[in-house]
């Protein structure tokens, strides 16, 4: 008579008693997408009513309906109010644009009428409009300081450098042969940075240089002149 330890005896699809049975994966329980029910509530109510799988649903049908009905009412009111708010916003923006166009045309009329008056600002203000403050021009650039001249990399070349001047957008550069006089200055190319390179000078000649800043507010004063023997 066969026993459990009889060699070769198998059970359950040829698995031997002495074999190691691999662990079985745990059964995964489905997770309900509760939030999705807010958008599929009618389908849920229809599906669970009379469903043999859920003979006594919890919460009860009455409790569910008591929570569902106020939400449906509130959601309907919200959607109606939201649509009304969007329409009101569109109407407001349209009316504002129309008014601004008419007001701009009225302002142009007042401005044109006031342009021939002795005191245009007073005429504009008499119509209930205010006048724009005139733009204040930037100040005249500060004088250029610390101008220095060094020998360039090649013969006949000088390198100029100075401190940036407040208010300057560009710089005028002038050179003068020695002796320097009021009429001996020769304009060079303007530059945007606080340095310049001058080429084509006569080696061994003594040259003078000066720089001034130029900005929206005008032209600054010339720097103190600096001098250098051309290499």
C-alpha atoms as a PDB file:
ATOM      1  CA  UNK A   1       0.000   0.000   0.000  1.00  0.00           C
ATOM      2  CA  UNK A   2       1.377   3.356  -0.992  1.00  0.00           C
ATOM      3  CA  UNK A   3       2.220   5.859   1.743  1.00  0.00           C
ATOM      4  CA  UNK A   4       3.213   9.531   1.738  1.00  0.00           C
ATOM      5  CA  UNK A   5       6.886   8.678   1.728  1.00  0.00           C
ATOM      6  CA  UNK A   6       6.615   6.110  -1.066  1.00  0.00           C
ATOM      7  CA  UNK A   7       9.297   7.026  -3.636  1.00  0.00           C
ATOM      8  CA  UNK A   8       7.915   8.475  -6.861  1.00  0.00           C
ATOM      9  CA  UNK A   9       4.448   9.092  -5.462  1.00  0.00           C
ATOM     10  CA  UNK A  10       3.057  12.451  -6.719  1.00  0.00           C
ATOM     11  CA  UNK A  11      -0.073  14.502  -6.197  1.00  0.00           C
ATOM     12  CA  UNK A  12      -1.746  17.600  -7.564  1.00  0.00           C
ATOM     13  CA  UNK A  13      -0.400  17.741 -11.145  1.00  0.00           C
ATOM     14  CA  UNK A  14       2.719  15.660 -10.620  1.00  0.00           C
ATOM     15  CA  UNK A  15       4.167  17.671  -7.710  1.00  0.00           C
ATOM     16  CA  UNK A  16       6.179  15.518  -5.353  1.00  0.00           C
ATOM     17  CA  UNK A  17       5.503  15.647  -1.635  1.00  0.00           C
ATOM     18  CA  UNK A  18       9.122  16.526  -0.962  1.00  0.00           C
ATOM     19  CA  UNK A  19       9.259  19.330  -3.576  1.00  0.00           C
ATOM     20  CA  UNK A  20       9.403  22.973  -2.443  1.00  0.00           C
ATOM     21  CA  UNK A  21       6.278  24.816  -3.572  1.00  0.00           C
ATOM     22  CA  UNK A  22       7.120  28.372  -4.731  1.00  0.00           C
ATOM     23  CA  UNK A  23       5.267  31.188  -2.900  1.00  0.00           C
ATOM     24  CA  UNK A  24       2.127  32.388  -4.618  1.00  0.00           C
ATOM     25  CA  UNK A  25       1.746  36.154  -5.301  1.00  0.00           C
ATOM     26  CA  UNK A  26      -0.828  37.803  -3.030  1.00  0.00           C
ATOM     27  CA  UNK A  27      -4.180  38.513  -4.559  1.00  0.00           C
ATOM     28  CA  UNK A  28      -4.404  42.175  -5.533  1.00  0.00           C
ATOM     29  CA  UNK A  29      -7.607  43.858  -4.496  1.00  0.00           C
ATOM     30  CA  UNK A  30      -8.997  46.446  -6.957  1.00  0.00           C
ATOM     31  CA  UNK A  31      -9.060  50.047  -5.756  1.00  0.00           C
ATOM     32  CA  UNK A  32     -12.172  52.087  -6.426  1.00  0.00           C
ATOM     33  CA  UNK A  33     -11.650  55.493  -8.061  1.00  0.00           C
ATOM     34  CA  UNK A  34     -13.916  57.343  -5.700  1.00  0.00           C
ATOM     35  CA  UNK A  35     -13.329  60.803  -7.177  1.00  0.00           C
ATOM     36  CA  UNK A  36     -14.410  59.561 -10.582  1.00  0.00           C
ATOM     37  CA  UNK A  37     -17.864  58.832  -9.123  1.00  0.00           C
ATOM     38  CA  UNK A  38     -18.493  62.571  -8.956  1.00  0.00           C
ATOM     39  CA  UNK A  39     -18.595  62.528 -12.728  1.00  0.00           C
ATOM     40  CA  UNK A  40     -20.227  59.078 -13.109  1.00  0.00           C
ATOM     41  CA  UNK A  41     -22.690  59.220 -10.224  1.00  0.00           C
ATOM     42  CA  UNK A  42     -25.690  58.319 -12.370  1.00  0.00           C
ATOM     43  CA  UNK A  43     -23.908  55.237 -13.704  1.00  0.00           C
ATOM     44  CA  UNK A  44     -23.000  54.189 -10.169  1.00  0.00           C
ATOM     45  CA  UNK A  45     -26.546  54.535  -8.853  1.00  0.00           C
ATOM     46  CA  UNK A  46     -27.950  52.557 -11.781  1.00  0.00           C
ATOM     47  CA  UNK A  47     -25.280  49.867 -11.538  1.00  0.00           C
ATOM     48  CA  UNK A  48     -25.559  49.215  -7.795  1.00  0.00           C
ATOM     49  CA  UNK A  49     -29.357  49.325  -7.537  1.00  0.00           C
ATOM     50  CA  UNK A  50     -30.662  45.743  -7.514  1.00  0.00           C
ATOM     51  CA  UNK A  51     -27.114  44.381  -7.928  1.00  0.00           C
ATOM     52  CA  UNK A  52     -26.922  40.913  -6.317  1.00  0.00           C
ATOM     53  CA  UNK A  53     -23.286  41.564  -5.395  1.00  0.00           C
ATOM     54  CA  UNK A  54     -24.340  44.423  -3.122  1.00  0.00           C
ATOM     55  CA  UNK A  55     -27.568  43.342  -1.439  1.00  0.00           C
ATOM     56  CA  UNK A  56     -27.206  45.832   1.414  1.00  0.00           C
ATOM     57  CA  UNK A  57     -24.878  48.642   0.204  1.00  0.00           C
ATOM     58  CA  UNK A  58     -23.176  50.830   2.766  1.00  0.00           C
ATOM     59  CA  UNK A  59     -23.927  53.633   3.157  1.00  0.00           C
ATOM     60  CA  UNK A  60     -27.539  52.881   2.355  1.00  0.00           C
ATOM     61  CA  UNK A  61     -29.288  54.080  -0.782  1.00  0.00           C
ATOM     62  CA  UNK A  62     -31.135  56.699   1.247  1.00  0.00           C
ATOM     63  CA  UNK A  63     -27.915  58.025   2.798  1.00  0.00           C
ATOM     64  CA  UNK A  64     -26.224  58.150  -0.593  1.00  0.00           C
ATOM     65  CA  UNK A  65     -29.147  60.006  -2.151  1.00  0.00           C
ATOM     66  CA  UNK A  66     -29.207  62.433   0.785  1.00  0.00           C
ATOM     67  CA  UNK A  67     -25.579  63.358   0.008  1.00  0.00           C
ATOM     68  CA  UNK A  68     -25.900  63.219  -3.795  1.00  0.00           C
ATOM     69  CA  UNK A  69     -28.930  65.477  -4.239  1.00  0.00           C
ATOM     70  CA  UNK A  70     -27.489  68.574  -2.481  1.00  0.00           C
ATOM     71  CA  UNK A  71     -24.270  68.204  -4.429  1.00  0.00           C
ATOM     72  CA  UNK A  72     -26.105  68.021  -7.744  1.00  0.00           C
ATOM     73  CA  UNK A  73     -28.042  71.155  -6.809  1.00  0.00           C
ATOM     74  CA  UNK A  74     -24.928  73.025  -5.686  1.00  0.00           C
ATOM     75  CA  UNK A  75     -23.017  71.957  -8.818  1.00  0.00           C
ATOM     76  CA  UNK A  76     -25.830  73.175 -11.044  1.00  0.00           C
ATOM     77  CA  UNK A  77     -25.923  76.517  -9.241  1.00  0.00           C
ATOM     78  CA  UNK A  78     -22.135  76.815  -9.527  1.00  0.00           C
ATOM     79  CA  UNK A  79     -22.121  76.108 -13.264  1.00  0.00           C
ATOM     80  CA  UNK A  80     -24.901  78.664 -13.805  1.00  0.00           C
ATOM     81  CA  UNK A  81     -23.082  81.296 -11.728  1.00  0.00           C
ATOM     82  CA  UNK A  82     -19.784  80.592 -13.485  1.00  0.00           C
ATOM     83  CA  UNK A  83     -21.338  80.992 -16.920  1.00  0.00           C
ATOM     84  CA  UNK A  84     -23.001  84.231 -15.783  1.00  0.00           C
ATOM     85  CA  UNK A  85     -19.683  85.518 -14.395  1.00  0.00           C
ATOM     86  CA  UNK A  86     -17.888  84.798 -17.683  1.00  0.00           C
ATOM     87  CA  UNK A  87     -20.582  86.610 -19.646  1.00  0.00           C
ATOM     88  CA  UNK A  88     -20.492  89.560 -17.215  1.00  0.00           C
ATOM     89  CA  UNK A  89     -16.698  89.770 -17.542  1.00  0.00           C
ATOM     90  CA  UNK A  90     -16.918  89.755 -21.348  1.00  0.00           C
ATOM     91  CA  UNK A  91     -19.584  92.458 -21.305  1.00  0.00           C
ATOM     92  CA  UNK A  92     -17.523  94.570 -18.889  1.00  0.00           C
ATOM     93  CA  UNK A  93     -14.352  94.292 -20.990  1.00  0.00           C
ATOM     94  CA  UNK A  94     -16.236  95.180 -24.177  1.00  0.00           C
ATOM     95  CA  UNK A  95     -17.858  98.207 -22.571  1.00  0.00           C
ATOM     96  CA  UNK A  96     -14.524  99.357 -21.107  1.00  0.00           C
ATOM     97  CA  UNK A  97     -12.787  99.136 -24.498  1.00  0.00           C
ATOM     98  CA  UNK A  98     -15.570 101.189 -26.086  1.00  0.00           C
ATOM     99  CA  UNK A  99     -15.363 103.831 -23.368  1.00  0.00           C
ATOM    100  CA  UNK A 100     -11.554 104.038 -23.595  1.00  0.00           C
ATOM    101  CA  UNK A 101     -11.756 104.612 -27.360  1.00  0.00           C
ATOM    102  CA  UNK A 102     -14.297 107.406 -26.906  1.00  0.00           C
ATOM    103  CA  UNK A 103     -12.292 108.920 -24.036  1.00  0.00           C
ATOM    104  CA  UNK A 104      -9.097 108.833 -26.117  1.00  0.00           C
ATOM    105  CA  UNK A 105     -10.872 110.661 -28.938  1.00  0.00           C
ATOM    106  CA  UNK A 106     -12.165 113.256 -26.455  1.00  0.00           C
ATOM    107  CA  UNK A 107      -8.655 113.688 -25.043  1.00  0.00           C
ATOM    108  CA  UNK A 108      -7.244 114.214 -28.535  1.00  0.00           C
ATOM    109  CA  UNK A 109      -9.883 116.901 -29.152  1.00  0.00           C
ATOM    110  CA  UNK A 110      -9.042 118.695 -25.888  1.00  0.00           C
ATOM    111  CA  UNK A 111      -5.309 118.463 -26.581  1.00  0.00           C
ATOM    112  CA  UNK A 112      -5.720 119.876 -30.099  1.00  0.00           C
ATOM    113  CA  UNK A 113      -7.911 122.712 -28.854  1.00  0.00           C
ATOM    114  CA  UNK A 114      -5.440 123.575 -26.073  1.00  0.00           C
ATOM    115  CA  UNK A 115      -2.420 123.582 -28.407  1.00  0.00           C
ATOM    116  CA  UNK A 116      -3.252 127.098 -29.650  1.00  0.00           C
ATOM    117  CA  UNK A 117      -3.913 128.556 -26.182  1.00  0.00           C
ATOM    118  CA  UNK A 118      -1.482 130.751 -24.296  1.00  0.00           C
ATOM    119  CA  UNK A 119      -1.484 128.268 -21.414  1.00  0.00           C
ATOM    120  CA  UNK A 120      -2.223 124.811 -22.928  1.00  0.00           C
ATOM    121  CA  UNK A 121      -1.920 123.008 -19.583  1.00  0.00           C
ATOM    122  CA  UNK A 122      -4.550 125.231 -17.981  1.00  0.00           C
ATOM    123  CA  UNK A 123      -6.959 124.628 -20.880  1.00  0.00           C
ATOM    124  CA  UNK A 124      -6.469 120.845 -20.658  1.00  0.00           C
ATOM    125  CA  UNK A 125      -7.025 120.875 -16.899  1.00  0.00           C
ATOM    126  CA  UNK A 126     -10.165 123.006 -17.333  1.00  0.00           C
ATOM    127  CA  UNK A 127     -11.682 120.044 -19.205  1.00  0.00           C
ATOM    128  CA  UNK A 128     -11.116 117.747 -16.238  1.00  0.00           C
ATOM    129  CA  UNK A 129      -8.022 116.090 -17.689  1.00  0.00           C
ATOM    130  CA  UNK A 130      -4.595 116.014 -16.097  1.00  0.00           C
ATOM    131  CA  UNK A 131      -1.419 116.615 -18.074  1.00  0.00           C
ATOM    132  CA  UNK A 132       1.524 114.267 -18.278  1.00  0.00           C
ATOM    133  CA  UNK A 133       4.708 115.346 -16.602  1.00  0.00           C
ATOM    134  CA  UNK A 134       7.422 116.100 -19.177  1.00  0.00           C
ATOM    135  CA  UNK A 135      10.248 113.601 -19.317  1.00  0.00           C
ATOM    136  CA  UNK A 136      13.259 114.783 -17.390  1.00  0.00           C
ATOM    137  CA  UNK A 137      16.363 114.440 -19.551  1.00  0.00           C
ATOM    138  CA  UNK A 138      19.312 112.600 -18.099  1.00  0.00           C
ATOM    139  CA  UNK A 139      21.983 114.825 -16.621  1.00  0.00           C
ATOM    140  CA  UNK A 140      25.062 115.956 -18.487  1.00  0.00           C
ATOM    141  CA  UNK A 141      27.802 113.301 -18.181  1.00  0.00           C
ATOM    142  CA  UNK A 142      30.391 113.794 -15.487  1.00  0.00           C
ATOM    143  CA  UNK A 143      33.867 114.889 -16.588  1.00  0.00           C
ATOM    144  CA  UNK A 144      36.166 112.045 -17.619  1.00  0.00           C
ATOM    145  CA  UNK A 145      38.867 111.333 -15.021  1.00  0.00           C
ATOM    146  CA  UNK A 146      42.077 109.306 -14.745  1.00  0.00           C
ATOM    147  CA  UNK A 147      42.934 109.411 -18.438  1.00  0.00           C
ATOM    148  CA  UNK A 148      46.135 107.478 -19.118  1.00  0.00           C
ATOM    149  CA  UNK A 149      48.121 106.742 -22.279  1.00  0.00           C
ATOM    150  CA  UNK A 150      50.355 103.720 -22.835  1.00  0.00           C
ATOM    151  CA  UNK A 151      52.379 102.462 -25.800  1.00  0.00           C
ATOM    152  CA  UNK A 152      50.483 100.120 -28.090  1.00  0.00           C
ATOM    153  CA  UNK A 153      51.600  96.730 -29.336  1.00  0.00           C
ATOM    154  CA  UNK A 154      52.899  98.148 -32.618  1.00  0.00           C
ATOM    155  CA  UNK A 155      54.890 101.150 -33.759  1.00  0.00           C
ATOM    156  CA  UNK A 156      52.778 104.316 -34.167  1.00  0.00           C
ATOM    157  CA  UNK A 157      50.084 103.008 -31.789  1.00  0.00           C
ATOM    158  CA  UNK A 158      48.817 104.465 -28.500  1.00  0.00           C
ATOM    159  CA  UNK A 159      46.321 102.941 -26.051  1.00  0.00           C
ATOM    160  CA  UNK A 160      44.058 105.288 -24.096  1.00  0.00           C
ATOM    161  CA  UNK A 161      42.087 104.338 -20.998  1.00  0.00           C
ATOM    162  CA  UNK A 162      39.973 106.248 -18.437  1.00  0.00           C
ATOM    163  CA  UNK A 163      37.346 105.798 -15.741  1.00  0.00           C
ATOM    164  CA  UNK A 164      33.743 105.436 -16.991  1.00  0.00           C
ATOM    165  CA  UNK A 165      31.849 108.722 -16.667  1.00  0.00           C
ATOM    166  CA  UNK A 166      28.406 108.690 -15.113  1.00  0.00           C
ATOM    167  CA  UNK A 167      25.734 109.526 -17.729  1.00  0.00           C
ATOM    168  CA  UNK A 168      27.986 108.933 -20.740  1.00  0.00           C
ATOM    169  CA  UNK A 169      26.812 106.694 -23.576  1.00  0.00           C
ATOM    170  CA  UNK A 170      29.735 107.431 -25.909  1.00  0.00           C
ATOM    171  CA  UNK A 171      33.062 109.254 -25.661  1.00  0.00           C
ATOM    172  CA  UNK A 172      34.703 111.852 -27.893  1.00  0.00           C
ATOM    173  CA  UNK A 173      38.475 111.444 -28.240  1.00  0.00           C
ATOM    174  CA  UNK A 174      40.827 114.136 -29.520  1.00  0.00           C
ATOM    175  CA  UNK A 175      44.608 114.180 -30.078  1.00  0.00           C
ATOM    176  CA  UNK A 176      47.019 117.071 -30.436  1.00  0.00           C
ATOM    177  CA  UNK A 177      50.654 117.194 -31.526  1.00  0.00           C
ATOM    178  CA  UNK A 178      53.075 119.005 -29.298  1.00  0.00           C
ATOM    179  CA  UNK A 179      52.896 121.897 -28.615  1.00  0.00           C
ATOM    180  CA  UNK A 180      49.246 121.699 -27.572  1.00  0.00           C
ATOM    181  CA  UNK A 181      47.121 124.777 -28.431  1.00  0.00           C
ATOM    182  CA  UNK A 182      43.419 125.613 -28.433  1.00  0.00           C
ATOM    183  CA  UNK A 183      43.192 124.878 -32.160  1.00  0.00           C
ATOM    184  CA  UNK A 184      45.578 121.928 -32.448  1.00  0.00           C
ATOM    185  CA  UNK A 185      43.109 119.233 -31.373  1.00  0.00           C
ATOM    186  CA  UNK A 186      42.198 116.580 -33.981  1.00  0.00           C
ATOM    187  CA  UNK A 187      38.949 114.575 -33.461  1.00  0.00           C
ATOM    188  CA  UNK A 188      39.245 110.785 -33.471  1.00  0.00           C
ATOM    189  CA  UNK A 189      36.554 108.117 -33.814  1.00  0.00           C
ATOM    190  CA  UNK A 190      34.034 108.082 -30.964  1.00  0.00           C
ATOM    191  CA  UNK A 191      33.937 104.991 -28.760  1.00  0.00           C
ATOM    192  CA  UNK A 192      31.350 103.404 -26.484  1.00  0.00           C
ATOM    193  CA  UNK A 193      33.750 101.932 -23.920  1.00  0.00           C
ATOM    194  CA  UNK A 194      36.171 103.726 -21.613  1.00  0.00           C
ATOM    195  CA  UNK A 195      39.179 102.954 -23.788  1.00  0.00           C
ATOM    196  CA  UNK A 196      40.444 103.635 -27.286  1.00  0.00           C
ATOM    197  CA  UNK A 197      43.277 102.645 -29.610  1.00  0.00           C
ATOM    198  CA  UNK A 198      44.843 105.255 -31.912  1.00  0.00           C
ATOM    199  CA  UNK A 199      46.813 104.000 -34.925  1.00  0.00           C
ATOM    200  CA  UNK A 200      48.993 105.507 -37.632  1.00  0.00           C
ATOM    201  CA  UNK A 201      50.894 108.014 -35.487  1.00  0.00           C
ATOM    202  CA  UNK A 202      54.482 109.116 -36.108  1.00  0.00           C
ATOM    203  CA  UNK A 203      56.957 107.189 -33.954  1.00  0.00           C
ATOM    204  CA  UNK A 204      58.946 109.442 -31.613  1.00  0.00           C
ATOM    205  CA  UNK A 205      56.351 112.256 -31.737  1.00  0.00           C
ATOM    206  CA  UNK A 206      54.956 113.654 -28.516  1.00  0.00           C
ATOM    207  CA  UNK A 207      51.175 113.528 -28.526  1.00  0.00           C
ATOM    208  CA  UNK A 208      48.498 114.861 -26.231  1.00  0.00           C
ATOM    209  CA  UNK A 209      45.016 113.362 -25.706  1.00  0.00           C
ATOM    210  CA  UNK A 210      41.736 114.364 -24.070  1.00  0.00           C
ATOM    211  CA  UNK A 211      38.339 112.680 -23.723  1.00  0.00           C
ATOM    212  CA  UNK A 212      34.779 113.780 -22.872  1.00  0.00           C
ATOM    213  CA  UNK A 213      31.518 111.903 -22.316  1.00  0.00           C
ATOM    214  CA  UNK A 214      28.383 112.304 -24.433  1.00  0.00           C
ATOM    215  CA  UNK A 215      24.918 111.302 -23.158  1.00  0.00           C
ATOM    216  CA  UNK A 216      21.199 112.041 -23.536  1.00  0.00           C
ATOM    217  CA  UNK A 217      21.572 115.121 -21.359  1.00  0.00           C
ATOM    218  CA  UNK A 218      24.367 116.683 -23.406  1.00  0.00           C
ATOM    219  CA  UNK A 219      28.146 116.698 -23.612  1.00  0.00           C
ATOM    220  CA  UNK A 220      30.407 116.609 -20.597  1.00  0.00           C
ATOM    221  CA  UNK A 221      33.585 118.572 -19.947  1.00  0.00           C
ATOM    222  CA  UNK A 222      36.933 117.543 -21.421  1.00  0.00           C
ATOM    223  CA  UNK A 223      39.257 115.537 -19.241  1.00  0.00           C
ATOM    224  CA  UNK A 224      42.617 116.864 -18.172  1.00  0.00           C
ATOM    225  CA  UNK A 225      44.992 116.207 -21.103  1.00  0.00           C
ATOM    226  CA  UNK A 226      47.537 113.383 -20.908  1.00  0.00           C
ATOM    227  CA  UNK A 227      50.707 113.028 -22.973  1.00  0.00           C
ATOM    228  CA  UNK A 228      52.896 110.206 -24.341  1.00  0.00           C
ATOM    229  CA  UNK A 229      55.776 109.705 -26.783  1.00  0.00           C
ATOM    230  CA  UNK A 230      54.571 107.536 -29.666  1.00  0.00           C
ATOM    231  CA  UNK A 231      56.505 104.217 -29.802  1.00  0.00           C
END
